[in-house]
Amino acid sequence: MDVHNRSVSKTGPIRTESWIAQISRELRAPLTSVLGYAELLSDPSLDDATRGDFGEHVRVSGAKLRRCLEEFVEISVLPSP
């Protein structure tokens, strides 16, 4: 996701409501993945390979979530046009 490029387009900034909706969607996907895999990781019958795969999904989704939040913070400090 590149929120910065989406928010500063040739037609002007995206309306606040649509921007918030976009951010919400971008945050929910990786958060849902993290929560889902975290729940699956609590299964004591998982073998090590599966546990490692699930852990990698959590790591990748967490990184996506972090990037999205960093972009959100970056945009929030941009001066208004």
PDB file of N, CA and C in Angstrom:
ATOM      1  N   MET A   1       0.845  -1.177   0.000  1.00  0.00           N
ATOM      2  CA  MET A   1       0.000   0.000   0.000  1.00  0.00           C
ATOM      3  C   MET A   1       0.886   1.234   0.000  1.00  0.00           C
ATOM      4  N   ASP A   2       0.525   2.215  -0.776  1.00  0.00           N
ATOM      5  CA  ASP A   2       1.243   3.480  -0.764  1.00  0.00           C
ATOM      6  C   ASP A   2       0.236   4.579  -0.528  1.00  0.00           C
ATOM      7  N   VAL A   3      -0.076   4.784   0.740  1.00  0.00           N
ATOM      8  CA  VAL A   3      -1.097   5.752   1.128  1.00  0.00           C
ATOM      9  C   VAL A   3      -0.698   7.154   0.697  1.00  0.00           C
ATOM     10  N   HIS A   4       0.595   7.465   0.790  1.00  0.00           N
ATOM     11  CA  HIS A   4       1.048   8.818   0.450  1.00  0.00           C
ATOM     12  C   HIS A   4       0.689   9.157  -0.988  1.00  0.00           C
ATOM     13  N   ASN A   5       0.988   8.279  -1.934  1.00  0.00           N
ATOM     14  CA  ASN A   5       0.682   8.562  -3.334  1.00  0.00           C
ATOM     15  C   ASN A   5      -0.816   8.616  -3.587  1.00  0.00           C
ATOM     16  N   ARG A   6      -1.583   7.878  -2.868  1.00  0.00           N
ATOM     17  CA  ARG A   6      -3.030   7.912  -3.044  1.00  0.00           C
ATOM     18  C   ARG A   6      -3.634   9.186  -2.488  1.00  0.00           C
ATOM     19  N   SER A   7      -3.034   9.721  -1.427  1.00  0.00           N
ATOM     20  CA  SER A   7      -3.636  10.880  -0.786  1.00  0.00           C
ATOM     21  C   SER A   7      -3.276  12.188  -1.486  1.00  0.00           C
ATOM     22  N   VAL A   8      -2.205  12.187  -2.249  1.00  0.00           N
ATOM     23  CA  VAL A   8      -1.805  13.404  -2.936  1.00  0.00           C
ATOM     24  C   VAL A   8      -1.856  13.110  -4.434  1.00  0.00           C
ATOM     25  N   SER A   9      -3.023  13.234  -5.000  1.00  0.00           N
ATOM     26  CA  SER A   9      -3.207  12.939  -6.413  1.00  0.00           C
ATOM     27  C   SER A   9      -3.369  14.222  -7.197  1.00  0.00           C
ATOM     28  N   LYS A  10      -3.490  14.086  -8.526  1.00  0.00           N
ATOM     29  CA  LYS A  10      -3.661  15.251  -9.376  1.00  0.00           C
ATOM     30  C   LYS A  10      -4.978  15.960  -9.107  1.00  0.00           C
ATOM     31  N   THR A  11      -5.948  15.239  -8.589  1.00  0.00           N
ATOM     32  CA  THR A  11      -7.254  15.841  -8.323  1.00  0.00           C
ATOM     33  C   THR A  11      -7.356  16.384  -6.916  1.00  0.00           C
ATOM     34  N   GLY A  12      -6.299  16.332  -6.148  1.00  0.00           N
ATOM     35  CA  GLY A  12      -6.321  16.847  -4.786  1.00  0.00           C
ATOM     36  C   GLY A  12      -6.411  15.720  -3.781  1.00  0.00           C
ATOM     37  N   PRO A  13      -6.397  16.066  -2.503  1.00  0.00           N
ATOM     38  CA  PRO A  13      -6.432  15.028  -1.458  1.00  0.00           C
ATOM     39  C   PRO A  13      -7.742  14.250  -1.477  1.00  0.00           C
ATOM     40  N   ILE A  14      -7.632  13.000  -1.116  1.00  0.00           N
ATOM     41  CA  ILE A  14      -8.818  12.156  -0.976  1.00  0.00           C
ATOM     42  C   ILE A  14      -9.635  12.693   0.194  1.00  0.00           C
ATOM     43  N   ARG A  15     -10.950  12.668   0.049  1.00  0.00           N
ATOM     44  CA  ARG A  15     -11.797  13.113   1.163  1.00  0.00           C
ATOM     45  C   ARG A  15     -11.478  12.304   2.402  1.00  0.00           C
ATOM     46  N   THR A  16     -11.600  12.948   3.542  1.00  0.00           N
ATOM     47  CA  THR A  16     -11.236  12.330   4.810  1.00  0.00           C
ATOM     48  C   THR A  16     -11.959  11.009   5.035  1.00  0.00           C
ATOM     49  N   GLU A  17     -13.244  10.956   4.740  1.00  0.00           N
ATOM     50  CA  GLU A  17     -14.017   9.732   4.994  1.00  0.00           C
ATOM     51  C   GLU A  17     -13.504   8.567   4.158  1.00  0.00           C
ATOM     52  N   SER A  18     -13.229   8.794   2.887  1.00  0.00           N
ATOM     53  CA  SER A  18     -12.752   7.696   2.046  1.00  0.00           C
ATOM     54  C   SER A  18     -11.333   7.291   2.430  1.00  0.00           C
ATOM     55  N   TRP A  19     -10.534   8.268   2.871  1.00  0.00           N
ATOM     56  CA  TRP A  19      -9.183   7.958   3.298  1.00  0.00           C
ATOM     57  C   TRP A  19      -9.208   7.093   4.555  1.00  0.00           C
ATOM     58  N   ILE A  20     -10.065   7.439   5.484  1.00  0.00           N
ATOM     59  CA  ILE A  20     -10.188   6.648   6.714  1.00  0.00           C
ATOM     60  C   ILE A  20     -10.683   5.245   6.390  1.00  0.00           C
ATOM     61  N   ALA A  21     -11.636   5.124   5.471  1.00  0.00           N
ATOM     62  CA  ALA A  21     -12.132   3.806   5.068  1.00  0.00           C
ATOM     63  C   ALA A  21     -11.010   2.979   4.447  1.00  0.00           C
ATOM     64  N   GLN A  22     -10.184   3.601   3.622  1.00  0.00           N
ATOM     65  CA  GLN A  22      -9.055   2.899   3.000  1.00  0.00           C
ATOM     66  C   GLN A  22      -8.058   2.428   4.053  1.00  0.00           C
ATOM     67  N   ILE A  23      -7.714   3.300   4.972  1.00  0.00           N
ATOM     68  CA  ILE A  23      -6.788   2.928   6.050  1.00  0.00           C
ATOM     69  C   ILE A  23      -7.369   1.769   6.856  1.00  0.00           C
ATOM     70  N   SER A  24      -8.659   1.844   7.151  1.00  0.00           N
ATOM     71  CA  SER A  24      -9.307   0.789   7.923  1.00  0.00           C
ATOM     72  C   SER A  24      -9.176  -0.561   7.223  1.00  0.00           C
ATOM     73  N   ARG A  25      -9.424  -0.586   5.916  1.00  0.00           N
ATOM     74  CA  ARG A  25      -9.290  -1.839   5.158  1.00  0.00           C
ATOM     75  C   ARG A  25      -7.848  -2.323   5.164  1.00  0.00           C
ATOM     76  N   GLU A  26      -6.916  -1.397   4.996  1.00  0.00           N
ATOM     77  CA  GLU A  26      -5.499  -1.775   4.943  1.00  0.00           C
ATOM     78  C   GLU A  26      -5.003  -2.309   6.282  1.00  0.00           C
ATOM     79  N   LEU A  27      -5.571  -1.848   7.374  1.00  0.00           N
ATOM     80  CA  LEU A  27      -5.178  -2.332   8.695  1.00  0.00           C
ATOM     81  C   LEU A  27      -5.841  -3.654   9.049  1.00  0.00           C
ATOM     82  N   ARG A  28      -7.087  -3.814   8.644  1.00  0.00           N
ATOM     83  CA  ARG A  28      -7.836  -5.012   9.029  1.00  0.00           C
ATOM     84  C   ARG A  28      -7.288  -6.289   8.435  1.00  0.00           C
ATOM     85  N   ALA A  29      -6.864  -6.268   7.179  1.00  0.00           N
ATOM     86  CA  ALA A  29      -6.391  -7.500   6.533  1.00  0.00           C
ATOM     87  C   ALA A  29      -5.211  -8.123   7.276  1.00  0.00           C
ATOM     88  N   PRO A  30      -4.110  -7.390   7.500  1.00  0.00           N
ATOM     89  CA  PRO A  30      -3.000  -8.040   8.211  1.00  0.00           C
ATOM     90  C   PRO A  30      -3.328  -8.328   9.674  1.00  0.00           C
ATOM     91  N   LEU A  31      -4.138  -7.487  10.297  1.00  0.00           N
ATOM     92  CA  LEU A  31      -4.505  -7.731  11.688  1.00  0.00           C
ATOM     93  C   LEU A  31      -5.324  -9.016  11.812  1.00  0.00           C
ATOM     94  N   THR A  32      -6.250  -9.218  10.895  1.00  0.00           N
ATOM     95  CA  THR A  32      -7.056 -10.441  10.899  1.00  0.00           C
ATOM     96  C   THR A  32      -6.165 -11.665  10.708  1.00  0.00           C
ATOM     97  N   SER A  33      -5.175 -11.554   9.821  1.00  0.00           N
ATOM     98  CA  SER A  33      -4.249 -12.656   9.595  1.00  0.00           C
ATOM     99  C   SER A  33      -3.444 -12.965  10.855  1.00  0.00           C
ATOM    100  N   VAL A  34      -2.918 -11.936  11.492  1.00  0.00           N
ATOM    101  CA  VAL A  34      -2.142 -12.135  12.725  1.00  0.00           C
ATOM    102  C   VAL A  34      -2.996 -12.827  13.782  1.00  0.00           C
ATOM    103  N   LEU A  35      -4.200 -12.331  13.975  1.00  0.00           N
ATOM    104  CA  LEU A  35      -5.068 -12.920  15.005  1.00  0.00           C
ATOM    105  C   LEU A  35      -5.451 -14.360  14.676  1.00  0.00           C
ATOM    106  N   GLY A  36      -5.742 -14.613  13.408  1.00  0.00           N
ATOM    107  CA  GLY A  36      -6.116 -15.975  13.000  1.00  0.00           C
ATOM    108  C   GLY A  36      -4.980 -16.966  13.202  1.00  0.00           C
ATOM    109  N   TYR A  37      -3.794 -16.600  12.716  1.00  0.00           N
ATOM    110  CA  TYR A  37      -2.654 -17.513  12.880  1.00  0.00           C
ATOM    111  C   TYR A  37      -2.234 -17.632  14.336  1.00  0.00           C
ATOM    112  N   ALA A  38      -2.359 -16.577  15.106  1.00  0.00           N
ATOM    113  CA  ALA A  38      -2.036 -16.662  16.534  1.00  0.00           C
ATOM    114  C   ALA A  38      -2.959 -17.660  17.225  1.00  0.00           C
ATOM    115  N   GLU A  39      -4.223 -17.638  16.849  1.00  0.00           N
ATOM    116  CA  GLU A  39      -5.160 -18.605  17.424  1.00  0.00           C
ATOM    117  C   GLU A  39      -4.777 -20.030  17.019  1.00  0.00           C
ATOM    118  N   LEU A  40      -4.418 -20.215  15.752  1.00  0.00           N
ATOM    119  CA  LEU A  40      -4.013 -21.546  15.296  1.00  0.00           C
ATOM    120  C   LEU A  40      -2.747 -22.027  15.995  1.00  0.00           C
ATOM    121  N   LEU A  41      -1.854 -21.105  16.306  1.00  0.00           N
ATOM    122  CA  LEU A  41      -0.607 -21.477  16.984  1.00  0.00           C
ATOM    123  C   LEU A  41      -0.835 -22.013  18.387  1.00  0.00           C
ATOM    124  N   SER A  42      -1.989 -21.750  18.959  1.00  0.00           N
ATOM    125  CA  SER A  42      -2.263 -22.242  20.309  1.00  0.00           C
ATOM    126  C   SER A  42      -2.612 -23.732  20.334  1.00  0.00           C
ATOM    127  N   ASP A  43      -2.749 -24.339  19.160  1.00  0.00           N
ATOM    128  CA  ASP A  43      -3.064 -25.772  19.078  1.00  0.00           C
ATOM    129  C   ASP A  43      -1.824 -26.587  19.454  1.00  0.00           C
ATOM    130  N   PRO A  44      -1.865 -27.306  20.559  1.00  0.00           N
ATOM    131  CA  PRO A  44      -0.680 -28.053  21.003  1.00  0.00           C
ATOM    132  C   PRO A  44      -0.319 -29.232  20.094  1.00  0.00           C
ATOM    133  N   SER A  45      -1.219 -29.631  19.213  1.00  0.00           N
ATOM    134  CA  SER A  45      -0.928 -30.779  18.353  1.00  0.00           C
ATOM    135  C   SER A  45      -0.191 -30.398  17.068  1.00  0.00           C
ATOM    136  N   LEU A  46       0.110 -29.119  16.878  1.00  0.00           N
ATOM    137  CA  LEU A  46       0.818 -28.692  15.656  1.00  0.00           C
ATOM    138  C   LEU A  46       2.240 -29.224  15.645  1.00  0.00           C
ATOM    139  N   ASP A  47       2.663 -29.691  14.463  1.00  0.00           N
ATOM    140  CA  ASP A  47       4.061 -30.108  14.345  1.00  0.00           C
ATOM    141  C   ASP A  47       4.933 -28.863  14.150  1.00  0.00           C
ATOM    142  N   ASP A  48       6.229 -29.042  14.309  1.00  0.00           N
ATOM    143  CA  ASP A  48       7.149 -27.901  14.260  1.00  0.00           C
ATOM    144  C   ASP A  48       7.130 -27.184  12.909  1.00  0.00           C
ATOM    145  N   ALA A  49       7.028 -27.930  11.817  1.00  0.00           N
ATOM    146  CA  ALA A  49       7.030 -27.312  10.488  1.00  0.00           C
ATOM    147  C   ALA A  49       5.805 -26.417  10.309  1.00  0.00           C
ATOM    148  N   THR A  50       4.647 -26.915  10.710  1.00  0.00           N
ATOM    149  CA  THR A  50       3.416 -26.132  10.593  1.00  0.00           C
ATOM    150  C   THR A  50       3.478 -24.915  11.506  1.00  0.00           C
ATOM    151  N   ARG A  51       3.965 -25.120  12.703  1.00  0.00           N
ATOM    152  CA  ARG A  51       4.107 -24.005  13.645  1.00  0.00           C
ATOM    153  C   ARG A  51       5.033 -22.934  13.051  1.00  0.00           C
ATOM    154  N   GLY A  52       6.116 -23.357  12.419  1.00  0.00           N
ATOM    155  CA  GLY A  52       7.026 -22.412  11.778  1.00  0.00           C
ATOM    156  C   GLY A  52       6.361 -21.656  10.634  1.00  0.00           C
ATOM    157  N   ASP A  53       5.566 -22.377   9.816  1.00  0.00           N
ATOM    158  CA  ASP A  53       4.836 -21.728   8.720  1.00  0.00           C
ATOM    159  C   ASP A  53       3.856 -20.693   9.259  1.00  0.00           C
ATOM    160  N   PHE A  54       3.124 -21.067  10.290  1.00  0.00           N
ATOM    161  CA  PHE A  54       2.153 -20.134  10.867  1.00  0.00           C
ATOM    162  C   PHE A  54       2.861 -18.922  11.475  1.00  0.00           C
ATOM    163  N   GLY A  55       3.990 -19.172  12.121  1.00  0.00           N
ATOM    164  CA  GLY A  55       4.767 -18.077  12.690  1.00  0.00           C
ATOM    165  C   GLY A  55       5.258 -17.117  11.615  1.00  0.00           C
ATOM    166  N   GLU A  56       5.644 -17.659  10.457  1.00  0.00           N
ATOM    167  CA  GLU A  56       6.081 -16.815   9.341  1.00  0.00           C
ATOM    168  C   GLU A  56       4.927 -15.962   8.821  1.00  0.00           C
ATOM    169  N   HIS A  57       3.730 -16.531   8.750  1.00  0.00           N
ATOM    170  CA  HIS A  57       2.556 -15.747   8.346  1.00  0.00           C
ATOM    171  C   HIS A  57       2.322 -14.589   9.320  1.00  0.00           C
ATOM    172  N   VAL A  58       2.467 -14.856  10.592  1.00  0.00           N
ATOM    173  CA  VAL A  58       2.296 -13.799  11.603  1.00  0.00           C
ATOM    174  C   VAL A  58       3.358 -12.720  11.400  1.00  0.00           C
ATOM    175  N   ARG A  59       4.599 -13.114  11.157  1.00  0.00           N
ATOM    176  CA  ARG A  59       5.684 -12.154  10.961  1.00  0.00           C
ATOM    177  C   ARG A  59       5.438 -11.284   9.732  1.00  0.00           C
ATOM    178  N   VAL A  60       5.068 -11.896   8.613  1.00  0.00           N
ATOM    179  CA  VAL A  60       4.830 -11.150   7.371  1.00  0.00           C
ATOM    180  C   VAL A  60       3.645 -10.192   7.535  1.00  0.00           C
ATOM    181  N   SER A  61       2.571 -10.676   8.125  1.00  0.00           N
ATOM    182  CA  SER A  61       1.401  -9.816   8.321  1.00  0.00           C
ATOM    183  C   SER A  61       1.695  -8.701   9.309  1.00  0.00           C
ATOM    184  N   GLY A  62       2.482  -8.989  10.324  1.00  0.00           N
ATOM    185  CA  GLY A  62       2.879  -7.955  11.276  1.00  0.00           C
ATOM    186  C   GLY A  62       3.714  -6.875  10.599  1.00  0.00           C
ATOM    187  N   ALA A  63       4.590  -7.269   9.688  1.00  0.00           N
ATOM    188  CA  ALA A  63       5.406  -6.303   8.960  1.00  0.00           C
ATOM    189  C   ALA A  63       4.532  -5.425   8.064  1.00  0.00           C
ATOM    190  N   LYS A  64       3.519  -6.026   7.412  1.00  0.00           N
ATOM    191  CA  LYS A  64       2.584  -5.246   6.596  1.00  0.00           C
ATOM    192  C   LYS A  64       1.827  -4.247   7.459  1.00  0.00           C
ATOM    193  N   LEU A  65       1.398  -4.687   8.601  1.00  0.00           N
ATOM    194  CA  LEU A  65       0.679  -3.821   9.525  1.00  0.00           C
ATOM    195  C   LEU A  65       1.567  -2.659   9.983  1.00  0.00           C
ATOM    196  N   ARG A  66       2.807  -2.959  10.303  1.00  0.00           N
ATOM    197  CA  ARG A  66       3.743  -1.915  10.714  1.00  0.00           C
ATOM    198  C   ARG A  66       3.967  -0.893   9.600  1.00  0.00           C
ATOM    199  N   ARG A  67       4.168  -1.366   8.355  1.00  0.00           N
ATOM    200  CA  ARG A  67       4.361  -0.436   7.234  1.00  0.00           C
ATOM    201  C   ARG A  67       3.142   0.453   7.038  1.00  0.00           C
ATOM    202  N   CYS A  68       1.970  -0.128   7.149  1.00  0.00           N
ATOM    203  CA  CYS A  68       0.740   0.644   6.993  1.00  0.00           C
ATOM    204  C   CYS A  68       0.646   1.714   8.076  1.00  0.00           C
ATOM    205  N   LEU A  69       0.933   1.355   9.294  1.00  0.00           N
ATOM    206  CA  LEU A  69       0.884   2.322  10.388  1.00  0.00           C
ATOM    207  C   LEU A  69       1.943   3.411  10.226  1.00  0.00           C
ATOM    208  N   GLU A  70       3.122   3.041   9.745  1.00  0.00           N
ATOM    209  CA  GLU A  70       4.169   4.041   9.516  1.00  0.00           C
ATOM    210  C   GLU A  70       3.727   5.032   8.442  1.00  0.00           C
ATOM    211  N   GLU A  71       3.084   4.529   7.374  1.00  0.00           N
ATOM    212  CA  GLU A  71       2.583   5.417   6.329  1.00  0.00           C
ATOM    213  C   GLU A  71       1.472   6.317   6.867  1.00  0.00           C
ATOM    214  N   PHE A  72       0.627   5.766   7.706  1.00  0.00           N
ATOM    215  CA  PHE A  72      -0.441   6.547   8.313  1.00  0.00           C
ATOM    216  C   PHE A  72       0.147   7.698   9.137  1.00  0.00           C
ATOM    217  N   VAL A  73       1.158   7.402   9.932  1.00  0.00           N
ATOM    218  CA  VAL A  73       1.794   8.435  10.746  1.00  0.00           C
ATOM    219  C   VAL A  73       2.466   9.467   9.845  1.00  0.00           C
ATOM    220  N   GLU A  74       3.134   9.007   8.800  1.00  0.00           N
ATOM    221  CA  GLU A  74       3.802   9.920   7.871  1.00  0.00           C
ATOM    222  C   GLU A  74       2.790  10.891   7.243  1.00  0.00           C
ATOM    223  N   ILE A  75       1.664  10.377   6.825  1.00  0.00           N
ATOM    224  CA  ILE A  75       0.640  11.219   6.208  1.00  0.00           C
ATOM    225  C   ILE A  75       0.028  12.171   7.229  1.00  0.00           C
ATOM    226  N   SER A  76      -0.135  11.698   8.433  1.00  0.00           N
ATOM    227  CA  SER A  76      -0.800  12.544   9.437  1.00  0.00           C
ATOM    228  C   SER A  76       0.001  13.789   9.790  1.00  0.00           C
ATOM    229  N   VAL A  77       1.307  13.768   9.501  1.00  0.00           N
ATOM    230  CA  VAL A  77       2.124  14.933   9.814  1.00  0.00           C
ATOM    231  C   VAL A  77       2.396  15.805   8.584  1.00  0.00           C
ATOM    232  N   LEU A  78       1.870  15.406   7.406  1.00  0.00           N
ATOM    233  CA  LEU A  78       2.036  16.223   6.210  1.00  0.00           C
ATOM    234  C   LEU A  78       1.213  17.502   6.339  1.00  0.00           C
ATOM    235  N   PRO A  79       1.754  18.607   5.852  1.00  0.00           N
ATOM    236  CA  PRO A  79       0.972  19.832   5.895  1.00  0.00           C
ATOM    237  C   PRO A  79      -0.202  19.753   4.921  1.00  0.00           C
ATOM    238  N   SER A  80      -1.293  20.404   5.248  1.00  0.00           N
ATOM    239  CA  SER A  80      -2.453  20.422   4.366  1.00  0.00           C
ATOM    240  C   SER A  80      -2.129  21.247   3.134  1.00  0.00           C
ATOM    241  N   PRO A  81      -2.677  20.821   1.957  1.00  0.00           N
ATOM    242  CA  PRO A  81      -2.401  21.572   0.729  1.00  0.00           C
ATOM    243  C   PRO A  81      -3.100  22.917   0.735  1.00  0.00           C
TER     244      PRO A  81
END
